[in-house]
Amino acid sequence: MKTLICFVLIAVINLSSVEEAASLINPPAGRLAIVADGNSPDPDDIGATAVIFGILDGAGLNDRLVHLSHSCDLDPFKNPGKQTIDAANEKRRQDKLHQLCGEGISFFGPFANLKAYFNCRTDQEAAVDDLRRAIDESTASDPLWIIEAGEPDLIGYALEGATPSKRQHVHVVSHHPANDDSGDYFTWQEILDYGVTEHQIGDQNPGLKTAIPRWDWAKENSDPEIAWIWEQLKYAEQDGVVRFQTDKFDCSDAGLIYWWITGASDGGEKASTPLQIKKMLLHEVEQG
C-alpha cells in the first residue's frame, strides 16, 4: 500500500511539473492577428475571446496584438450542417462580440499596437484592409501569426490584396477543419496557395471544453476582470442556439494563443488545460 501511495504521489508531482514547464512564456518573433467568428451557430468564441485577452495580458504580450476581428462568418446562413442560426440571434451575437472586445480591452489593455477592432459583418472592407496592412508590414524577422478562430474568408481576402512578396512571412494557425473547410468564398487550399506557413495544432476542444466547475475559481475571484471572463463563458453556455455547449465552458480557440505564447512551432503546448490557462491569467507562469 505504501508503495502504491508513493507511485501516486510521484505521478501527481510529475504531472504538476509537466504542466508548469509547459506554461513557460516563450513566444516566437512576430506579431499576432486574431480572426474569430462567434456569429456562426457555435458561440464558443465569446468565452474564448475573453480568455485570449486575459492570457495575453498574463503573459505580458499585449503589444504583440495588431489585428482583432470577429463575426468572420461572412454568410452565416449558408451553413450546410445541422446546426443553424437565425438572423435575430446572429445579430445578437455580433453585438455581444463587439461589446466584449471593448470590455476586454478596457479590462486587460492597453493593447498599444491594436488600432481598432472590427465586426467583419458590418465593416468587412475595413477589417480586410487592417489585416492586409499587417501582412504588408511583415518581414522575415517580424512575421505575422494569424489565428484562424473562425472561417477563412477574411484571411483570404486580406492575402489576396497583400503584396505577394510579404505572404511568405505569414503563419496561419488552425486547430479544426470545421473552420478550415467552412469558407464561403475561399477554400483552405486557396489560403495555403498564397504561400503562407500552415500550423495545425490539433483539436483544442478535448482540453478546453470542460465541465463548468473547473472554472469556479474565476467566478469567485475578487478581481473584476477575472469574474468578467467567467461571465462571458457562462453567457456562451447559456446562449441556447446550439445544444452541445449546454453544461460546458468552452474556450477552445484560446488554445491557439496558448500554443503561440508557449513557443508556437518551437515546442508550444498543443494540449492546454483550464489549470494552465488559470496560471497564465493569474500571472503565475515564468518567462522562457
Foldseek 3Di string as FASTA:
>chain_A
DVVVVVVVVVVVVVVVVVLQLLLAFDFAAAAEAEEAACLALANQQLLQVLLLLLLCLLLVNLQRYQAAEYNPQQCRQVDPDPFGDDPVLSVVRLVSVQVVVVVSCVQRDDSVNHPDYYYCNVPVVVRLVSVLVRLQVFDQRHAYEYEQNAACVSVLSSLVPHDLVSQLRYEYEDADVVRQCPDPPDHNVSSCVSNHHYHHLYFQCVAFWAALVLLVCQCPDPRVSSVVSNVSQVCSCPSPSDPPSPRTRGNSSNLRVQQNRSYNVHSNDSHDHSVSSVCSSVSNGHHD
